[in-house]
Structures are given as structure tokens and as C-alpha cells.
Amino acid sequence: MDYFSNISKQEILNEEEILDLIDGIIRILTLTAVVHVLTYSIDKEGEFFGMQTLRKFLYMALGVVVYNLIMKKMFYKKIEKYINEKFSKN
């Protein structure tokens, strides 16, 4: 819980993390668009960029944001801290 008390004292995202977030969103949306176009052109499933597809894009983009804001910040930093403490030479 100490992590959450320190959040207000530090930046939520620095410039590098913002660029990683934008890159992740662009990557997942590009991948999804290509899969959708190929699926639609081959199988004629669903509408071509209908509301359901756009909702899926939104959900995937939100998933990338949640991953970057929560998973990377909370777990990776704790793991890095643990590894540094465990394997640092005293």
C-alpha cells in the first residue's frame, strides 16, 4: 500500500512511458484492424467496421492503457526492486 501513498508525490507517466503507451495502442489497433479486414474479406463475418468492431477497438485500447498504468507501474517496479535487493552486492 506504500506504493499508492507515493503516487501523488511522483509523476504518473513520464515522457518515455507516454510514448510506450501510444506505441502500444497504435500496435494493438493496427493488428486488430488488419485481422478485421482479413476476416471480413475472406469470411464476410459481421459488418465492415461496424459499431461492434469499433467497440472492440475501444476495449483493446483501454486494455493497453490499463496494462501500462497498472501492471507496469505496480508489478514490474516491485519485481525490479526485489531483484535489486536480492542480488545486489553488499
N, C-alpha and C. Protein backbone atom coordinates (compact mmCIF):
# COMPACT_ATOMS: atom_id res chain seq x y z
N MET A 1 0.81 -1.20 0.00
CA MET A 1 0.00 0.00 0.00
C MET A 1 0.85 1.27 0.00
N ASP A 2 2.11 1.09 0.33
CA ASP A 2 3.01 2.22 0.32
C ASP A 2 3.14 2.81 -1.08
N TYR A 3 2.97 1.97 -2.08
CA TYR A 3 3.07 2.42 -3.47
C TYR A 3 2.02 3.48 -3.76
N PHE A 4 0.79 3.26 -3.31
CA PHE A 4 -0.29 4.19 -3.62
C PHE A 4 -0.13 5.52 -2.88
N SER A 5 0.48 5.51 -1.71
CA SER A 5 0.68 6.77 -0.99
C SER A 5 1.75 7.64 -1.66
N ASN A 6 2.65 7.01 -2.40
CA ASN A 6 3.71 7.76 -3.08
C ASN A 6 3.31 8.25 -4.46
N ILE A 7 2.17 7.78 -4.99
CA ILE A 7 1.76 8.16 -6.35
C ILE A 7 1.56 9.66 -6.48
N SER A 8 0.97 10.29 -5.47
CA SER A 8 0.72 11.73 -5.57
C SER A 8 2.02 12.53 -5.55
N LYS A 9 3.08 11.95 -5.04
CA LYS A 9 4.36 12.65 -4.95
C LYS A 9 5.21 12.53 -6.21
N GLN A 10 4.82 11.67 -7.11
CA GLN A 10 5.61 11.44 -8.31
C GLN A 10 4.74 11.56 -9.55
N GLU A 11 5.38 11.65 -10.69
CA GLU A 11 4.64 11.70 -11.94
C GLU A 11 3.96 10.38 -12.19
N ILE A 12 2.75 10.41 -12.71
CA ILE A 12 2.05 9.18 -13.07
C ILE A 12 2.75 8.55 -14.27
N LEU A 13 2.99 9.33 -15.30
CA LEU A 13 3.68 8.85 -16.50
C LEU A 13 4.74 9.87 -16.91
N ASN A 14 5.93 9.38 -17.19
CA ASN A 14 6.93 10.28 -17.75
C ASN A 14 6.84 10.22 -19.27
N GLU A 15 7.68 10.99 -19.94
CA GLU A 15 7.60 11.09 -21.40
C GLU A 15 7.81 9.74 -22.09
N GLU A 16 8.77 8.97 -21.61
CA GLU A 16 9.05 7.66 -22.21
C GLU A 16 7.86 6.71 -22.06
N GLU A 17 7.23 6.75 -20.90
CA GLU A 17 6.08 5.87 -20.66
C GLU A 17 4.88 6.29 -21.50
N ILE A 18 4.72 7.58 -21.73
CA ILE A 18 3.64 8.06 -22.60
C ILE A 18 3.86 7.56 -24.02
N LEU A 19 5.10 7.64 -24.49
CA LEU A 19 5.41 7.15 -25.84
C LEU A 19 5.19 5.64 -25.94
N ASP A 20 5.55 4.89 -24.88
CA ASP A 20 5.29 3.45 -24.86
C ASP A 20 3.80 3.16 -24.90
N LEU A 21 3.02 3.95 -24.18
CA LEU A 21 1.57 3.79 -24.16
C LEU A 21 0.98 4.04 -25.54
N ILE A 22 1.37 5.12 -26.17
CA ILE A 22 0.87 5.45 -27.51
C ILE A 22 1.29 4.38 -28.50
N ASP A 23 2.53 3.92 -28.41
CA ASP A 23 3.01 2.85 -29.28
C ASP A 23 2.20 1.58 -29.08
N GLY A 24 1.91 1.23 -27.84
CA GLY A 24 1.11 0.04 -27.57
C GLY A 24 -0.29 0.13 -28.13
N ILE A 25 -0.91 1.30 -27.99
CA ILE A 25 -2.27 1.50 -28.52
C ILE A 25 -2.25 1.39 -30.05
N ILE A 26 -1.30 2.07 -30.69
CA ILE A 26 -1.21 2.01 -32.15
C ILE A 26 -0.95 0.58 -32.62
N ARG A 27 -0.08 -0.13 -31.93
CA ARG A 27 0.25 -1.51 -32.29
C ARG A 27 -0.99 -2.41 -32.21
N ILE A 28 -1.72 -2.36 -31.11
CA ILE A 28 -2.87 -3.26 -30.94
C ILE A 28 -4.00 -2.88 -31.88
N LEU A 29 -4.21 -1.59 -32.13
CA LEU A 29 -5.28 -1.18 -33.05
C LEU A 29 -4.93 -1.54 -34.49
N THR A 30 -3.66 -1.42 -34.87
CA THR A 30 -3.25 -1.82 -36.21
C THR A 30 -3.44 -3.32 -36.41
N LEU A 31 -3.00 -4.08 -35.45
CA LEU A 31 -3.16 -5.53 -35.50
C LEU A 31 -4.63 -5.92 -35.60
N THR A 32 -5.46 -5.30 -34.80
CA THR A 32 -6.89 -5.60 -34.81
C THR A 32 -7.53 -5.20 -36.14
N ALA A 33 -7.15 -4.05 -36.68
CA ALA A 33 -7.71 -3.61 -37.96
C ALA A 33 -7.34 -4.56 -39.08
N VAL A 34 -6.09 -5.02 -39.10
CA VAL A 34 -5.65 -5.95 -40.15
C VAL A 34 -6.41 -7.27 -40.03
N VAL A 35 -6.53 -7.78 -38.81
CA VAL A 35 -7.27 -9.03 -38.61
C VAL A 35 -8.73 -8.85 -39.01
N HIS A 36 -9.32 -7.72 -38.67
CA HIS A 36 -10.72 -7.47 -39.04
C HIS A 36 -10.89 -7.40 -40.56
N VAL A 37 -10.03 -6.69 -41.23
CA VAL A 37 -10.13 -6.55 -42.69
C VAL A 37 -9.96 -7.92 -43.35
N LEU A 38 -8.98 -8.69 -42.90
CA LEU A 38 -8.77 -10.01 -43.49
C LEU A 38 -9.95 -10.94 -43.20
N THR A 39 -10.46 -10.92 -41.98
CA THR A 39 -11.61 -11.76 -41.64
C THR A 39 -12.82 -11.36 -42.45
N TYR A 40 -13.05 -10.07 -42.58
CA TYR A 40 -14.21 -9.61 -43.34
C TYR A 40 -14.07 -9.95 -44.82
N SER A 41 -12.88 -9.78 -45.37
CA SER A 41 -12.70 -10.02 -46.80
C SER A 41 -12.75 -11.50 -47.16
N ILE A 42 -12.36 -12.37 -46.24
CA ILE A 42 -12.36 -13.80 -46.53
C ILE A 42 -13.68 -14.46 -46.12
N ASP A 43 -14.14 -14.18 -44.90
CA ASP A 43 -15.30 -14.88 -44.35
C ASP A 43 -16.60 -14.08 -44.42
N LYS A 44 -16.51 -12.80 -44.73
CA LYS A 44 -17.68 -11.92 -44.76
C LYS A 44 -18.43 -11.95 -43.43
N GLU A 45 -17.67 -11.99 -42.31
CA GLU A 45 -18.28 -12.01 -40.99
C GLU A 45 -18.54 -10.59 -40.52
N GLY A 46 -19.72 -10.34 -39.99
CA GLY A 46 -20.05 -9.05 -39.40
C GLY A 46 -20.06 -7.92 -40.41
N GLU A 47 -20.16 -6.71 -39.85
CA GLU A 47 -20.14 -5.51 -40.68
C GLU A 47 -18.69 -5.05 -40.86
N PHE A 48 -18.45 -4.36 -41.93
CA PHE A 48 -17.13 -3.80 -42.17
C PHE A 48 -16.98 -2.54 -41.32
N PHE A 49 -16.24 -2.62 -40.24
CA PHE A 49 -16.05 -1.54 -39.28
C PHE A 49 -17.37 -1.01 -38.75
N GLY A 50 -18.22 -1.92 -38.31
CA GLY A 50 -19.48 -1.55 -37.68
C GLY A 50 -19.26 -1.16 -36.23
N MET A 51 -20.36 -0.92 -35.52
CA MET A 51 -20.29 -0.49 -34.12
C MET A 51 -19.63 -1.55 -33.23
N GLN A 52 -19.91 -2.81 -33.49
CA GLN A 52 -19.32 -3.86 -32.68
C GLN A 52 -17.79 -3.88 -32.83
N THR A 53 -17.32 -3.69 -34.04
CA THR A 53 -15.88 -3.65 -34.29
C THR A 53 -15.25 -2.44 -33.62
N LEU A 54 -15.89 -1.30 -33.72
CA LEU A 54 -15.35 -0.10 -33.09
C LEU A 54 -15.33 -0.24 -31.58
N ARG A 55 -16.33 -0.91 -30.99
CA ARG A 55 -16.32 -1.17 -29.55
C ARG A 55 -15.14 -2.07 -29.17
N LYS A 56 -14.88 -3.07 -30.00
CA LYS A 56 -13.73 -3.95 -29.73
C LYS A 56 -12.43 -3.15 -29.76
N PHE A 57 -12.30 -2.23 -30.71
CA PHE A 57 -11.11 -1.38 -30.77
C PHE A 57 -10.97 -0.57 -29.49
N LEU A 58 -12.08 0.00 -29.03
CA LEU A 58 -12.07 0.79 -27.81
C LEU A 58 -11.65 -0.07 -26.62
N TYR A 59 -12.21 -1.26 -26.49
CA TYR A 59 -11.88 -2.15 -25.38
C TYR A 59 -10.41 -2.55 -25.40
N MET A 60 -9.89 -2.80 -26.58
CA MET A 60 -8.47 -3.17 -26.68
C MET A 60 -7.57 -1.99 -26.32
N ALA A 61 -7.94 -0.81 -26.76
CA ALA A 61 -7.15 0.38 -26.41
C ALA A 61 -7.19 0.61 -24.89
N LEU A 62 -8.36 0.43 -24.28
CA LEU A 62 -8.46 0.57 -22.82
C LEU A 62 -7.63 -0.50 -22.12
N GLY A 63 -7.59 -1.69 -22.67
CA GLY A 63 -6.77 -2.75 -22.10
C GLY A 63 -5.30 -2.39 -22.10
N VAL A 64 -4.83 -1.77 -23.17
CA VAL A 64 -3.43 -1.35 -23.25
C VAL A 64 -3.16 -0.24 -22.22
N VAL A 65 -4.09 0.67 -22.06
CA VAL A 65 -3.93 1.75 -21.09
C VAL A 65 -3.87 1.18 -19.67
N VAL A 66 -4.78 0.27 -19.35
CA VAL A 66 -4.79 -0.34 -18.02
C VAL A 66 -3.50 -1.11 -17.78
N TYR A 67 -3.05 -1.83 -18.78
CA TYR A 67 -1.79 -2.57 -18.65
C TYR A 67 -0.63 -1.62 -18.32
N ASN A 68 -0.53 -0.53 -19.07
CA ASN A 68 0.58 0.40 -18.86
C ASN A 68 0.48 1.14 -17.53
N LEU A 69 -0.72 1.50 -17.12
CA LEU A 69 -0.87 2.27 -15.90
C LEU A 69 -0.81 1.41 -14.64
N ILE A 70 -1.27 0.18 -14.71
CA ILE A 70 -1.33 -0.64 -13.50
C ILE A 70 -0.24 -1.70 -13.48
N MET A 71 -0.22 -2.55 -14.49
CA MET A 71 0.70 -3.69 -14.47
C MET A 71 2.15 -3.24 -14.47
N LYS A 72 2.50 -2.39 -15.38
CA LYS A 72 3.89 -1.94 -15.46
C LYS A 72 4.30 -1.17 -14.22
N LYS A 73 3.45 -0.26 -13.79
CA LYS A 73 3.79 0.59 -12.65
C LYS A 73 3.89 -0.20 -11.36
N MET A 74 2.91 -1.05 -11.10
CA MET A 74 2.85 -1.71 -9.81
C MET A 74 3.75 -2.93 -9.75
N PHE A 75 3.55 -3.86 -10.65
CA PHE A 75 4.22 -5.14 -10.53
C PHE A 75 5.66 -5.11 -11.00
N TYR A 76 5.94 -4.50 -12.12
CA TYR A 76 7.30 -4.51 -12.64
C TYR A 76 8.25 -3.77 -11.71
N LYS A 77 7.81 -2.66 -11.15
CA LYS A 77 8.68 -1.91 -10.25
C LYS A 77 8.93 -2.68 -8.96
N LYS A 78 7.92 -3.41 -8.48
CA LYS A 78 8.11 -4.23 -7.28
C LYS A 78 9.06 -5.38 -7.57
N ILE A 79 8.93 -6.00 -8.74
CA ILE A 79 9.83 -7.09 -9.11
C ILE A 79 11.25 -6.56 -9.27
N GLU A 80 11.39 -5.42 -9.91
CA GLU A 80 12.72 -4.83 -10.10
C GLU A 80 13.35 -4.49 -8.75
N LYS A 81 12.57 -3.96 -7.84
CA LYS A 81 13.07 -3.63 -6.50
C LYS A 81 13.50 -4.90 -5.78
N TYR A 82 12.71 -5.94 -5.87
CA TYR A 82 13.04 -7.21 -5.22
C TYR A 82 14.33 -7.79 -5.79
N ILE A 83 14.46 -7.78 -7.10
CA ILE A 83 15.67 -8.32 -7.73
C ILE A 83 16.89 -7.52 -7.35
N ASN A 84 16.76 -6.19 -7.32
CA ASN A 84 17.89 -5.35 -6.93
C ASN A 84 18.31 -5.60 -5.49
N GLU A 85 17.33 -5.76 -4.59
CA GLU A 85 17.64 -6.02 -3.19
C GLU A 85 18.23 -7.41 -3.01
N LYS A 86 17.69 -8.39 -3.73
CA LYS A 86 18.11 -9.78 -3.56
C LYS A 86 19.50 -10.04 -4.12
N PHE A 87 19.81 -9.44 -5.27
CA PHE A 87 21.04 -9.77 -5.96
C PHE A 87 22.09 -8.66 -5.93
N SER A 88 21.83 -7.58 -5.24
CA SER A 88 22.84 -6.53 -5.18
C SER A 88 23.97 -6.98 -4.25
N LYS A 89 25.15 -6.57 -4.61
CA LYS A 89 26.31 -6.93 -3.79
C LYS A 89 26.44 -5.91 -2.67
N ASN A 90 26.45 -6.41 -1.46
CA ASN A 90 26.55 -5.52 -0.28
C ASN A 90 27.97 -5.28 0.11
